Amino acid sequence: MSLHPHQLKFIEYCVQNRILCFGEFTLKSGRVSPYFFNAGLFNTGEALAFIGSCYATEIKNSGLEFDMLFGPAYKGIPLVSVTAAALATEQNINKPYCFNRKEVKDHGEGGLTVGAPLQGRVLIVDDVITAGTAVREVMTMMRKVFASPVGILVALDRQERGTGDLSAIQEIEKEFHVPVLSLITMTQIIDYLKLQQDGHLKEFLHPIREYRERYGT
């Protein structure tokens, strides 16, 4: 069993708030998934504070050394903000952060980023990596200012193959030589279902195992 107490707490919160749902969901890829994770539903003050605390704990436990946090627009903006706050208040790690604009602002302070200057060793904070497009855009941006990515933190690693043999996360790790940390993985969702006494939740254990056999890395 690879499920740690803090990961169990995270999954339980997501299930209770329907951020993590079980059923039949058609993904952009056309695959029919037995589960769906919608990080956009961290949409209350409580939910944001909760995930910020979870991210801060994961960062602390990882031992990664970094100079600042970065959140890719748009979902990464609130996530990097609450993570920076939780790191300072809960882990006594006070780091600057910034996020990017989708379009360069040509008036006022101008520029492509908001917040602290994008420099040094950067830890990227986002919700999930689906195709890796947003991450690649961030990497290009960092190269231009000579900032160095040291890692990426997401909520869920689906551990699912893309078009080839690797998952989107594995492709990012291989391409940019940085670790991708996640709060939970598909394997840990399976471990969670194994623990359930609730018959309704238990019935999704077989479909998700079959899905992993078919598409998992």
N, C-alpha and C. Protein backbone atom coordinates (compact mmCIF):
# COMPACT_ATOMS: atom_id res chain seq x y z
N MET A 1 0.85 -1.20 0.00
CA MET A 1 0.00 0.00 0.00
C MET A 1 0.88 1.24 0.00
N SER A 2 0.71 2.08 -1.01
CA SER A 2 1.57 3.25 -1.16
C SER A 2 0.89 4.53 -0.69
N LEU A 3 -0.24 4.38 0.01
CA LEU A 3 -1.04 5.55 0.39
C LEU A 3 -0.66 6.02 1.79
N HIS A 4 -0.11 7.23 1.87
CA HIS A 4 0.28 7.81 3.16
C HIS A 4 -0.89 8.59 3.75
N PRO A 5 -0.89 8.82 5.07
CA PRO A 5 -2.02 9.49 5.72
C PRO A 5 -2.38 10.85 5.10
N HIS A 6 -1.38 11.67 4.75
CA HIS A 6 -1.70 12.97 4.19
C HIS A 6 -2.30 12.85 2.79
N GLN A 7 -1.92 11.77 2.08
CA GLN A 7 -2.50 11.55 0.75
C GLN A 7 -3.94 11.04 0.87
N LEU A 8 -4.18 10.19 1.86
CA LEU A 8 -5.53 9.71 2.12
C LEU A 8 -6.45 10.89 2.46
N LYS A 9 -5.94 11.81 3.29
CA LYS A 9 -6.71 13.00 3.67
C LYS A 9 -7.06 13.83 2.43
N PHE A 10 -6.09 13.96 1.52
CA PHE A 10 -6.32 14.74 0.30
C PHE A 10 -7.37 14.08 -0.58
N ILE A 11 -7.27 12.77 -0.79
CA ILE A 11 -8.24 12.08 -1.63
C ILE A 11 -9.63 12.15 -1.01
N GLU A 12 -9.73 11.95 0.30
CA GLU A 12 -11.04 12.00 0.96
C GLU A 12 -11.69 13.37 0.79
N TYR A 13 -10.89 14.42 0.93
CA TYR A 13 -11.41 15.77 0.75
C TYR A 13 -11.92 15.96 -0.68
N CYS A 14 -11.14 15.48 -1.65
CA CYS A 14 -11.51 15.63 -3.06
C CYS A 14 -12.78 14.84 -3.39
N VAL A 15 -12.93 13.65 -2.82
CA VAL A 15 -14.13 12.85 -3.07
C VAL A 15 -15.35 13.51 -2.43
N GLN A 16 -15.20 13.98 -1.18
CA GLN A 16 -16.31 14.61 -0.47
C GLN A 16 -16.79 15.87 -1.18
N ASN A 17 -15.87 16.58 -1.84
CA ASN A 17 -16.22 17.83 -2.52
C ASN A 17 -16.38 17.67 -4.03
N ARG A 18 -16.44 16.41 -4.46
CA ARG A 18 -16.65 16.05 -5.87
C ARG A 18 -15.61 16.64 -6.81
N ILE A 19 -14.43 16.90 -6.27
CA ILE A 19 -13.29 17.29 -7.09
C ILE A 19 -12.76 16.04 -7.80
N LEU A 20 -12.81 14.91 -7.09
CA LEU A 20 -12.49 13.61 -7.65
C LEU A 20 -13.78 12.81 -7.72
N CYS A 21 -14.18 12.46 -8.94
CA CYS A 21 -15.43 11.74 -9.14
C CYS A 21 -15.17 10.41 -9.85
N PHE A 22 -16.06 9.46 -9.60
CA PHE A 22 -15.97 8.15 -10.25
C PHE A 22 -17.22 7.92 -11.09
N GLY A 23 -17.04 7.27 -12.24
CA GLY A 23 -18.15 7.03 -13.16
C GLY A 23 -17.60 6.75 -14.54
N GLU A 24 -18.17 7.37 -15.57
CA GLU A 24 -17.66 7.27 -16.94
C GLU A 24 -17.51 8.67 -17.50
N PHE A 25 -16.28 9.02 -17.85
CA PHE A 25 -15.98 10.37 -18.31
C PHE A 25 -15.17 10.29 -19.61
N THR A 26 -15.65 10.93 -20.65
CA THR A 26 -14.93 10.95 -21.91
C THR A 26 -13.91 12.09 -21.88
N LEU A 27 -12.64 11.77 -22.01
CA LEU A 27 -11.57 12.75 -21.96
C LEU A 27 -11.34 13.36 -23.34
N LYS A 28 -10.53 14.42 -23.37
CA LYS A 28 -10.21 15.06 -24.65
C LYS A 28 -9.56 14.07 -25.61
N SER A 29 -8.84 13.11 -25.06
CA SER A 29 -8.16 12.10 -25.87
C SER A 29 -9.13 11.12 -26.51
N GLY A 30 -10.39 11.14 -26.05
CA GLY A 30 -11.37 10.19 -26.54
C GLY A 30 -11.49 8.96 -25.66
N ARG A 31 -10.56 8.79 -24.73
CA ARG A 31 -10.62 7.66 -23.80
C ARG A 31 -11.77 7.85 -22.82
N VAL A 32 -12.40 6.75 -22.44
CA VAL A 32 -13.46 6.80 -21.43
C VAL A 32 -12.85 6.40 -20.10
N SER A 33 -12.72 7.38 -19.20
CA SER A 33 -12.04 7.16 -17.93
C SER A 33 -13.05 6.86 -16.82
N PRO A 34 -12.70 5.95 -15.90
CA PRO A 34 -13.59 5.66 -14.77
C PRO A 34 -13.49 6.68 -13.64
N TYR A 35 -12.62 7.68 -13.81
CA TYR A 35 -12.54 8.72 -12.78
C TYR A 35 -12.20 10.05 -13.45
N PHE A 36 -12.52 11.14 -12.75
CA PHE A 36 -12.24 12.47 -13.27
C PHE A 36 -11.84 13.38 -12.13
N PHE A 37 -10.77 14.13 -12.34
CA PHE A 37 -10.25 15.06 -11.33
C PHE A 37 -10.39 16.47 -11.87
N ASN A 38 -11.15 17.30 -11.19
CA ASN A 38 -11.40 18.67 -11.65
C ASN A 38 -10.83 19.67 -10.62
N ALA A 39 -9.60 20.09 -10.83
CA ALA A 39 -8.94 21.00 -9.89
C ALA A 39 -9.59 22.39 -9.91
N GLY A 40 -10.38 22.67 -10.93
CA GLY A 40 -11.09 23.94 -10.98
C GLY A 40 -12.11 24.08 -9.86
N LEU A 41 -12.46 22.97 -9.22
CA LEU A 41 -13.43 23.00 -8.12
C LEU A 41 -12.80 23.34 -6.77
N PHE A 42 -11.50 23.59 -6.75
CA PHE A 42 -10.92 24.21 -5.55
C PHE A 42 -11.27 25.70 -5.63
N ASN A 43 -12.56 25.99 -5.51
CA ASN A 43 -13.06 27.32 -5.85
C ASN A 43 -13.69 28.06 -4.67
N THR A 44 -13.37 27.62 -3.44
CA THR A 44 -13.78 28.37 -2.26
C THR A 44 -12.54 28.71 -1.45
N GLY A 45 -12.70 29.63 -0.51
CA GLY A 45 -11.56 29.97 0.34
C GLY A 45 -11.03 28.76 1.09
N GLU A 46 -11.95 27.94 1.61
CA GLU A 46 -11.54 26.74 2.34
C GLU A 46 -10.78 25.77 1.46
N ALA A 47 -11.32 25.54 0.26
CA ALA A 47 -10.69 24.58 -0.66
C ALA A 47 -9.31 25.05 -1.10
N LEU A 48 -9.19 26.35 -1.39
CA LEU A 48 -7.89 26.90 -1.78
C LEU A 48 -6.88 26.78 -0.65
N ALA A 49 -7.33 27.12 0.57
CA ALA A 49 -6.43 27.01 1.72
C ALA A 49 -5.99 25.57 1.92
N PHE A 50 -6.91 24.64 1.69
CA PHE A 50 -6.61 23.22 1.87
C PHE A 50 -5.53 22.75 0.89
N ILE A 51 -5.73 23.05 -0.40
CA ILE A 51 -4.74 22.57 -1.37
C ILE A 51 -3.42 23.31 -1.21
N GLY A 52 -3.46 24.58 -0.82
CA GLY A 52 -2.22 25.31 -0.56
C GLY A 52 -1.42 24.66 0.55
N SER A 53 -2.12 24.25 1.59
CA SER A 53 -1.46 23.56 2.70
C SER A 53 -0.87 22.22 2.25
N CYS A 54 -1.62 21.48 1.43
CA CYS A 54 -1.14 20.19 0.92
C CYS A 54 0.10 20.37 0.05
N TYR A 55 0.07 21.37 -0.82
CA TYR A 55 1.23 21.65 -1.67
C TYR A 55 2.44 22.04 -0.83
N ALA A 56 2.22 22.89 0.18
CA ALA A 56 3.33 23.33 1.04
C ALA A 56 3.96 22.14 1.77
N THR A 57 3.12 21.23 2.24
CA THR A 57 3.63 20.03 2.92
C THR A 57 4.45 19.17 1.98
N GLU A 58 3.96 18.98 0.76
CA GLU A 58 4.68 18.17 -0.24
C GLU A 58 6.04 18.80 -0.57
N ILE A 59 6.05 20.13 -0.71
CA ILE A 59 7.30 20.82 -1.01
C ILE A 59 8.30 20.64 0.12
N LYS A 60 7.82 20.81 1.35
CA LYS A 60 8.68 20.64 2.52
C LYS A 60 9.25 19.23 2.57
N ASN A 61 8.39 18.23 2.36
CA ASN A 61 8.81 16.83 2.43
C ASN A 61 9.76 16.45 1.30
N SER A 62 9.66 17.15 0.17
CA SER A 62 10.48 16.79 -1.00
C SER A 62 11.95 17.11 -0.80
N GLY A 63 12.22 18.13 0.03
CA GLY A 63 13.61 18.55 0.23
C GLY A 63 14.20 19.31 -0.95
N LEU A 64 13.37 19.64 -1.94
CA LEU A 64 13.86 20.39 -3.11
C LEU A 64 14.34 21.77 -2.69
N GLU A 65 15.47 22.18 -3.24
CA GLU A 65 15.98 23.53 -2.97
C GLU A 65 15.58 24.44 -4.13
N PHE A 66 14.99 25.58 -3.80
CA PHE A 66 14.52 26.50 -4.83
C PHE A 66 14.55 27.92 -4.29
N ASP A 67 14.54 28.88 -5.22
CA ASP A 67 14.58 30.28 -4.84
C ASP A 67 13.22 30.95 -4.92
N MET A 68 12.35 30.44 -5.79
CA MET A 68 11.04 31.07 -5.94
C MET A 68 10.04 30.09 -6.54
N LEU A 69 8.75 30.46 -6.48
CA LEU A 69 7.66 29.68 -7.03
C LEU A 69 7.09 30.38 -8.26
N PHE A 70 6.60 29.58 -9.21
CA PHE A 70 5.99 30.15 -10.41
C PHE A 70 4.70 29.41 -10.71
N GLY A 71 3.63 30.17 -11.04
CA GLY A 71 2.35 29.57 -11.41
C GLY A 71 1.96 29.91 -12.83
N PRO A 72 1.82 28.92 -13.72
CA PRO A 72 1.40 29.20 -15.10
C PRO A 72 -0.06 29.66 -15.15
N ALA A 73 -0.32 30.72 -15.92
CA ALA A 73 -1.71 31.19 -16.08
C ALA A 73 -2.52 30.12 -16.84
N TYR A 74 -3.78 29.85 -16.47
CA TYR A 74 -4.49 30.63 -15.46
C TYR A 74 -4.64 29.86 -14.14
N LYS A 75 -4.83 28.57 -14.20
CA LYS A 75 -5.11 27.82 -12.97
C LYS A 75 -3.95 27.86 -11.98
N GLY A 76 -2.74 28.04 -12.50
CA GLY A 76 -1.58 28.08 -11.62
C GLY A 76 -1.50 29.34 -10.79
N ILE A 77 -2.25 30.38 -11.17
CA ILE A 77 -2.15 31.66 -10.46
C ILE A 77 -2.65 31.55 -9.02
N PRO A 78 -3.90 31.12 -8.76
CA PRO A 78 -4.32 30.99 -7.37
C PRO A 78 -3.54 29.91 -6.63
N LEU A 79 -3.14 28.85 -7.34
CA LEU A 79 -2.43 27.76 -6.68
C LEU A 79 -1.06 28.20 -6.17
N VAL A 80 -0.32 28.95 -6.98
CA VAL A 80 1.01 29.39 -6.54
C VAL A 80 0.87 30.42 -5.41
N SER A 81 -0.20 31.22 -5.46
CA SER A 81 -0.41 32.23 -4.42
C SER A 81 -0.66 31.58 -3.06
N VAL A 82 -1.59 30.63 -3.01
CA VAL A 82 -1.91 30.01 -1.72
C VAL A 82 -0.78 29.10 -1.25
N THR A 83 -0.03 28.53 -2.18
CA THR A 83 1.11 27.69 -1.79
C THR A 83 2.20 28.53 -1.15
N ALA A 84 2.48 29.69 -1.74
CA ALA A 84 3.49 30.59 -1.16
C ALA A 84 3.07 31.02 0.24
N ALA A 85 1.78 31.32 0.41
CA ALA A 85 1.28 31.75 1.72
C ALA A 85 1.38 30.61 2.74
N ALA A 86 1.00 29.39 2.33
CA ALA A 86 1.04 28.25 3.24
C ALA A 86 2.48 27.88 3.59
N LEU A 87 3.38 27.99 2.64
CA LEU A 87 4.79 27.72 2.93
C LEU A 87 5.31 28.65 4.02
N ALA A 88 4.92 29.94 3.92
CA ALA A 88 5.40 30.92 4.90
C ALA A 88 4.77 30.71 6.27
N THR A 89 3.45 30.48 6.32
CA THR A 89 2.75 30.42 7.60
C THR A 89 2.83 29.05 8.27
N GLU A 90 2.91 27.98 7.47
CA GLU A 90 2.88 26.64 8.05
C GLU A 90 4.24 25.95 8.08
N GLN A 91 5.12 26.29 7.13
CA GLN A 91 6.41 25.59 7.03
C GLN A 91 7.59 26.51 7.30
N ASN A 92 7.33 27.77 7.59
CA ASN A 92 8.39 28.75 7.87
C ASN A 92 9.38 28.86 6.70
N ILE A 93 8.84 28.74 5.48
CA ILE A 93 9.64 28.89 4.26
C ILE A 93 9.06 30.07 3.49
N ASN A 94 9.72 31.19 3.55
CA ASN A 94 9.20 32.41 2.93
C ASN A 94 9.91 32.66 1.60
N LYS A 95 9.21 32.39 0.50
CA LYS A 95 9.80 32.51 -0.83
C LYS A 95 8.97 33.45 -1.70
N PRO A 96 9.60 34.18 -2.62
CA PRO A 96 8.85 35.00 -3.56
C PRO A 96 8.15 34.13 -4.59
N TYR A 97 7.16 34.71 -5.25
CA TYR A 97 6.47 33.98 -6.31
C TYR A 97 6.04 34.94 -7.41
N CYS A 98 5.77 34.39 -8.59
CA CYS A 98 5.21 35.18 -9.67
C CYS A 98 4.40 34.27 -10.58
N PHE A 99 3.68 34.89 -11.49
CA PHE A 99 2.92 34.15 -12.50
C PHE A 99 2.94 34.95 -13.79
N ASN A 100 2.57 34.30 -14.88
CA ASN A 100 2.65 34.97 -16.17
C ASN A 100 1.31 35.50 -16.64
N ARG A 101 1.37 36.47 -17.51
CA ARG A 101 0.17 36.94 -18.21
C ARG A 101 0.06 36.14 -19.51
N LYS A 102 -1.14 36.02 -20.01
CA LYS A 102 -1.33 35.38 -21.31
C LYS A 102 -0.90 36.32 -22.44
N GLU A 103 -1.02 37.63 -22.20
CA GLU A 103 -0.61 38.61 -23.19
C GLU A 103 0.30 39.63 -22.52
N VAL A 104 1.33 40.07 -23.20
CA VAL A 104 2.26 41.04 -22.64
C VAL A 104 1.56 42.38 -22.42
N LYS A 105 1.72 42.92 -21.22
CA LYS A 105 1.13 44.24 -20.91
C LYS A 105 2.10 45.32 -21.37
N ASP A 106 1.59 46.26 -22.19
CA ASP A 106 2.48 47.27 -22.75
C ASP A 106 2.31 48.64 -22.08
N HIS A 107 1.62 48.68 -20.93
CA HIS A 107 1.49 49.93 -20.18
C HIS A 107 1.70 49.65 -18.70
N GLY A 108 1.72 50.70 -17.87
CA GLY A 108 1.98 50.49 -16.45
C GLY A 108 3.34 49.89 -16.25
N GLU A 109 3.41 48.85 -15.39
CA GLU A 109 4.71 48.21 -15.15
C GLU A 109 5.14 47.32 -16.31
N GLY A 110 4.18 46.97 -17.18
CA GLY A 110 4.50 46.18 -18.37
C GLY A 110 4.98 44.78 -18.02
N GLY A 111 5.44 44.09 -19.05
CA GLY A 111 6.06 42.78 -18.84
C GLY A 111 5.11 41.61 -19.00
N LEU A 112 5.70 40.42 -18.98
CA LEU A 112 4.95 39.19 -19.18
C LEU A 112 4.59 38.52 -17.85
N THR A 113 5.26 38.88 -16.76
CA THR A 113 5.00 38.26 -15.47
C THR A 113 4.51 39.29 -14.45
N VAL A 114 3.84 38.77 -13.42
CA VAL A 114 3.36 39.59 -12.31
C VAL A 114 3.94 39.01 -11.02
N GLY A 115 4.41 39.89 -10.15
CA GLY A 115 4.98 39.43 -8.89
C GLY A 115 6.47 39.65 -8.84
N ALA A 116 7.17 38.77 -8.15
CA ALA A 116 8.62 38.89 -8.02
C ALA A 116 9.30 38.62 -9.37
N PRO A 117 10.50 39.14 -9.58
CA PRO A 117 11.23 38.86 -10.82
C PRO A 117 11.47 37.36 -11.00
N LEU A 118 11.28 36.88 -12.21
CA LEU A 118 11.49 35.47 -12.52
C LEU A 118 12.99 35.23 -12.67
N GLN A 119 13.58 34.60 -11.63
CA GLN A 119 15.02 34.41 -11.64
C GLN A 119 15.41 33.29 -10.68
N GLY A 120 16.64 32.82 -10.82
CA GLY A 120 17.16 31.79 -9.92
C GLY A 120 16.56 30.42 -10.17
N ARG A 121 16.51 29.62 -9.11
CA ARG A 121 15.98 28.25 -9.18
C ARG A 121 14.46 28.31 -8.94
N VAL A 122 13.71 27.82 -9.93
CA VAL A 122 12.26 28.01 -9.92
C VAL A 122 11.52 26.68 -9.77
N LEU A 123 10.57 26.65 -8.83
CA LEU A 123 9.67 25.51 -8.66
C LEU A 123 8.31 25.91 -9.23
N ILE A 124 7.85 25.16 -10.23
CA ILE A 124 6.59 25.46 -10.93
C ILE A 124 5.44 24.76 -10.22
N VAL A 125 4.36 25.50 -9.97
CA VAL A 125 3.19 24.95 -9.28
C VAL A 125 1.99 25.03 -10.22
N ASP A 126 1.33 23.88 -10.46
CA ASP A 126 0.18 23.85 -11.36
C ASP A 126 -0.81 22.80 -10.87
N ASP A 127 -1.92 22.62 -11.59
CA ASP A 127 -2.92 21.65 -11.13
C ASP A 127 -2.62 20.24 -11.66
N VAL A 128 -2.58 20.10 -12.97
CA VAL A 128 -2.25 18.80 -13.58
C VAL A 128 -1.42 19.07 -14.84
N ILE A 129 -0.78 18.03 -15.34
CA ILE A 129 -0.11 18.11 -16.64
C ILE A 129 -0.84 17.15 -17.57
N THR A 130 -1.54 17.70 -18.55
CA THR A 130 -2.30 16.86 -19.47
C THR A 130 -1.48 16.59 -20.73
N ALA A 131 -1.19 17.64 -21.48
CA ALA A 131 -0.36 17.48 -22.68
C ALA A 131 1.03 18.09 -22.49
N GLY A 132 1.18 18.91 -21.45
CA GLY A 132 2.48 19.53 -21.19
C GLY A 132 2.69 20.85 -21.92
N THR A 133 1.64 21.33 -22.60
CA THR A 133 1.78 22.56 -23.39
C THR A 133 2.13 23.77 -22.52
N ALA A 134 1.41 23.94 -21.43
CA ALA A 134 1.64 25.09 -20.54
C ALA A 134 3.05 25.04 -19.95
N VAL A 135 3.50 23.85 -19.58
CA VAL A 135 4.83 23.71 -19.00
C VAL A 135 5.90 24.08 -20.01
N ARG A 136 5.73 23.66 -21.25
CA ARG A 136 6.72 23.99 -22.29
C ARG A 136 6.78 25.50 -22.54
N GLU A 137 5.64 26.15 -22.46
CA GLU A 137 5.61 27.61 -22.60
C GLU A 137 6.39 28.27 -21.47
N VAL A 138 6.23 27.75 -20.26
CA VAL A 138 6.95 28.28 -19.11
C VAL A 138 8.45 28.07 -19.26
N MET A 139 8.84 26.90 -19.72
CA MET A 139 10.26 26.60 -19.91
C MET A 139 10.90 27.56 -20.92
N THR A 140 10.18 27.85 -21.99
CA THR A 140 10.67 28.81 -22.99
C THR A 140 10.84 30.19 -22.36
N MET A 141 9.87 30.59 -21.57
CA MET A 141 9.91 31.88 -20.90
C MET A 141 11.12 31.97 -19.95
N MET A 142 11.36 30.89 -19.21
CA MET A 142 12.47 30.90 -18.24
C MET A 142 13.83 30.93 -18.93
N ARG A 143 13.92 30.25 -20.06
CA ARG A 143 15.19 30.27 -20.80
C ARG A 143 15.56 31.70 -21.21
N LYS A 144 14.55 32.48 -21.58
CA LYS A 144 14.79 33.86 -22.03
C LYS A 144 15.37 34.75 -20.94
N VAL A 145 15.05 34.45 -19.68
CA VAL A 145 15.54 35.29 -18.57
C VAL A 145 16.61 34.55 -17.74
N PHE A 146 17.05 33.38 -18.25
CA PHE A 146 18.11 32.59 -17.62
C PHE A 146 17.73 32.08 -16.23
N ALA A 147 16.42 31.86 -16.01
CA ALA A 147 15.97 31.21 -14.78
C ALA A 147 16.09 29.70 -14.97
N SER A 148 16.21 28.96 -13.87
CA SER A 148 16.44 27.51 -13.96
C SER A 148 15.32 26.74 -13.27
N PRO A 149 14.57 25.92 -14.01
CA PRO A 149 13.54 25.10 -13.38
C PRO A 149 14.18 23.98 -12.55
N VAL A 150 13.69 23.78 -11.33
CA VAL A 150 14.24 22.70 -10.49
C VAL A 150 13.20 21.62 -10.20
N GLY A 151 11.94 21.89 -10.58
CA GLY A 151 10.90 20.90 -10.34
C GLY A 151 9.53 21.45 -10.67
N ILE A 152 8.57 20.55 -10.75
CA ILE A 152 7.17 20.90 -11.02
C ILE A 152 6.31 20.16 -10.01
N LEU A 153 5.34 20.86 -9.44
CA LEU A 153 4.42 20.25 -8.47
C LEU A 153 3.00 20.32 -9.01
N VAL A 154 2.33 19.16 -9.07
CA VAL A 154 0.94 19.10 -9.51
C VAL A 154 0.12 18.31 -8.49
N ALA A 155 -1.19 18.38 -8.63
CA ALA A 155 -2.06 17.67 -7.69
C ALA A 155 -2.13 16.18 -8.00
N LEU A 156 -2.24 15.83 -9.30
CA LEU A 156 -2.47 14.43 -9.68
C LEU A 156 -1.57 14.02 -10.83
N ASP A 157 -0.97 12.84 -10.69
CA ASP A 157 -0.27 12.18 -11.79
C ASP A 157 -1.16 11.02 -12.23
N ARG A 158 -1.75 11.15 -13.44
CA ARG A 158 -2.66 10.10 -13.92
C ARG A 158 -1.91 8.83 -14.31
N GLN A 159 -0.57 8.90 -14.41
CA GLN A 159 0.25 7.72 -14.77
C GLN A 159 -0.31 7.04 -16.02
N GLU A 160 -0.64 7.87 -17.01
CA GLU A 160 -1.32 7.39 -18.20
C GLU A 160 -0.52 7.74 -19.45
N ARG A 161 -0.36 6.77 -20.34
CA ARG A 161 0.39 6.99 -21.57
C ARG A 161 -0.25 8.07 -22.42
N GLY A 162 0.62 8.83 -23.11
CA GLY A 162 0.12 9.79 -24.08
C GLY A 162 0.02 9.11 -25.43
N THR A 163 0.61 9.72 -26.44
CA THR A 163 0.57 9.12 -27.77
C THR A 163 1.61 8.01 -27.92
N GLY A 164 2.66 8.04 -27.07
CA GLY A 164 3.69 7.01 -27.12
C GLY A 164 3.64 6.14 -25.89
N ASP A 165 4.81 5.65 -25.47
CA ASP A 165 4.88 4.76 -24.31
C ASP A 165 4.96 5.51 -22.99
N LEU A 166 5.29 6.81 -23.06
CA LEU A 166 5.46 7.60 -21.84
C LEU A 166 4.21 8.42 -21.53
N SER A 167 4.05 8.76 -20.26
CA SER A 167 2.99 9.69 -19.88
C SER A 167 3.46 11.11 -20.16
N ALA A 168 2.54 12.06 -20.12
CA ALA A 168 2.91 13.47 -20.33
C ALA A 168 3.93 13.90 -19.29
N ILE A 169 3.76 13.45 -18.07
CA ILE A 169 4.70 13.80 -16.99
C ILE A 169 6.07 13.20 -17.25
N GLN A 170 6.11 11.93 -17.67
CA GLN A 170 7.40 11.30 -17.96
C GLN A 170 8.10 11.99 -19.13
N GLU A 171 7.32 12.44 -20.11
CA GLU A 171 7.91 13.16 -21.24
C GLU A 171 8.53 14.48 -20.78
N ILE A 172 7.84 15.19 -19.89
CA ILE A 172 8.36 16.45 -19.35
C ILE A 172 9.64 16.20 -18.56
N GLU A 173 9.64 15.16 -17.73
CA GLU A 173 10.83 14.85 -16.92
C GLU A 173 12.02 14.51 -17.82
N LYS A 174 11.74 13.76 -18.88
CA LYS A 174 12.81 13.36 -19.79
C LYS A 174 13.33 14.53 -20.60
N GLU A 175 12.41 15.39 -21.06
CA GLU A 175 12.78 16.51 -21.93
C GLU A 175 13.54 17.61 -21.18
N PHE A 176 13.11 17.89 -19.95
CA PHE A 176 13.68 19.04 -19.24
C PHE A 176 14.55 18.66 -18.04
N HIS A 177 14.65 17.35 -17.77
CA HIS A 177 15.52 16.85 -16.69
C HIS A 177 15.18 17.47 -15.34
N VAL A 178 13.89 17.55 -15.05
CA VAL A 178 13.44 18.03 -13.74
C VAL A 178 12.43 17.03 -13.18
N PRO A 179 12.36 16.88 -11.85
CA PRO A 179 11.36 15.99 -11.27
C PRO A 179 9.98 16.63 -11.28
N VAL A 180 8.96 15.80 -11.48
CA VAL A 180 7.57 16.25 -11.33
C VAL A 180 7.00 15.58 -10.09
N LEU A 181 6.67 16.39 -9.10
CA LEU A 181 6.08 15.89 -7.85
C LEU A 181 4.57 15.94 -7.98
N SER A 182 3.88 15.02 -7.33
CA SER A 182 2.42 15.06 -7.32
C SER A 182 1.91 14.71 -5.93
N LEU A 183 0.76 15.29 -5.57
CA LEU A 183 0.16 14.97 -4.28
C LEU A 183 -0.32 13.53 -4.27
N ILE A 184 -0.93 13.10 -5.38
CA ILE A 184 -1.43 11.73 -5.49
C ILE A 184 -1.21 11.23 -6.92
N THR A 185 -1.30 9.91 -7.07
CA THR A 185 -1.19 9.26 -8.37
C THR A 185 -2.41 8.36 -8.59
N MET A 186 -2.56 7.86 -9.80
CA MET A 186 -3.63 6.90 -10.06
C MET A 186 -3.48 5.67 -9.17
N THR A 187 -2.26 5.23 -8.93
CA THR A 187 -2.02 4.07 -8.07
C THR A 187 -2.59 4.30 -6.68
N GLN A 188 -2.43 5.53 -6.17
CA GLN A 188 -2.93 5.83 -4.82
C GLN A 188 -4.45 5.97 -4.79
N ILE A 189 -5.04 6.37 -5.91
CA ILE A 189 -6.51 6.36 -5.99
C ILE A 189 -7.01 4.92 -5.92
N ILE A 190 -6.31 4.01 -6.58
CA ILE A 190 -6.67 2.59 -6.51
C ILE A 190 -6.53 2.07 -5.08
N ASP A 191 -5.44 2.46 -4.40
CA ASP A 191 -5.25 2.06 -3.01
C ASP A 191 -6.37 2.58 -2.12
N TYR A 192 -6.83 3.79 -2.41
CA TYR A 192 -7.95 4.37 -1.66
C TYR A 192 -9.21 3.53 -1.84
N LEU A 193 -9.48 3.13 -3.09
CA LEU A 193 -10.68 2.33 -3.35
C LEU A 193 -10.61 0.96 -2.68
N LYS A 194 -9.41 0.42 -2.55
CA LYS A 194 -9.24 -0.87 -1.87
C LYS A 194 -9.67 -0.79 -0.40
N LEU A 195 -9.51 0.39 0.20
CA LEU A 195 -9.82 0.57 1.62
C LEU A 195 -11.31 0.78 1.89
N GLN A 196 -12.08 1.01 0.82
CA GLN A 196 -13.47 1.41 1.01
C GLN A 196 -14.39 0.26 1.42
N GLN A 197 -15.25 0.56 2.38
CA GLN A 197 -16.32 -0.37 2.75
C GLN A 197 -17.60 -0.02 2.00
N ASP A 198 -17.67 1.23 1.54
CA ASP A 198 -18.82 1.71 0.79
C ASP A 198 -18.92 0.95 -0.53
N GLY A 199 -20.02 0.22 -0.72
CA GLY A 199 -20.19 -0.60 -1.92
C GLY A 199 -20.19 0.21 -3.20
N HIS A 200 -20.75 1.43 -3.15
CA HIS A 200 -20.82 2.26 -4.35
C HIS A 200 -19.42 2.64 -4.82
N LEU A 201 -18.55 3.05 -3.88
CA LEU A 201 -17.18 3.41 -4.27
C LEU A 201 -16.39 2.17 -4.67
N LYS A 202 -16.60 1.08 -3.96
CA LYS A 202 -15.84 -0.15 -4.19
C LYS A 202 -16.05 -0.67 -5.62
N GLU A 203 -17.22 -0.41 -6.18
CA GLU A 203 -17.53 -0.96 -7.51
C GLU A 203 -16.67 -0.34 -8.61
N PHE A 204 -15.99 0.78 -8.31
CA PHE A 204 -15.15 1.42 -9.32
C PHE A 204 -13.72 0.89 -9.30
N LEU A 205 -13.41 0.02 -8.34
CA LEU A 205 -12.06 -0.53 -8.25
C LEU A 205 -11.70 -1.35 -9.49
N HIS A 206 -12.61 -2.20 -9.93
CA HIS A 206 -12.32 -3.04 -11.10
C HIS A 206 -12.15 -2.21 -12.37
N PRO A 207 -13.07 -1.26 -12.68
CA PRO A 207 -12.89 -0.44 -13.89
C PRO A 207 -11.60 0.36 -13.90
N ILE A 208 -11.21 0.90 -12.75
CA ILE A 208 -9.99 1.72 -12.74
C ILE A 208 -8.75 0.84 -12.89
N ARG A 209 -8.80 -0.38 -12.36
CA ARG A 209 -7.69 -1.32 -12.57
C ARG A 209 -7.58 -1.69 -14.05
N GLU A 210 -8.72 -1.93 -14.67
CA GLU A 210 -8.72 -2.26 -16.11
C GLU A 210 -8.18 -1.09 -16.92
N TYR A 211 -8.55 0.11 -16.55
CA TYR A 211 -8.09 1.31 -17.24
C TYR A 211 -6.58 1.45 -17.12
N ARG A 212 -6.05 1.18 -15.93
CA ARG A 212 -4.61 1.25 -15.75
C ARG A 212 -3.89 0.18 -16.58
N GLU A 213 -4.48 -1.01 -16.64
CA GLU A 213 -3.87 -2.07 -17.46
C GLU A 213 -3.82 -1.67 -18.94
N ARG A 214 -4.83 -0.96 -19.38
CA ARG A 214 -4.93 -0.61 -20.79
C ARG A 214 -4.09 0.62 -21.15
N TYR A 215 -4.09 1.63 -20.27
CA TYR A 215 -3.45 2.91 -20.62
C TYR A 215 -2.32 3.33 -19.69
N GLY A 216 -2.12 2.62 -18.62
CA GLY A 216 -1.13 3.05 -17.63
C GLY A 216 0.31 2.90 -18.09
N THR A 217 1.19 3.66 -17.44
CA THR A 217 2.62 3.57 -17.75
C THR A 217 3.29 2.59 -16.80
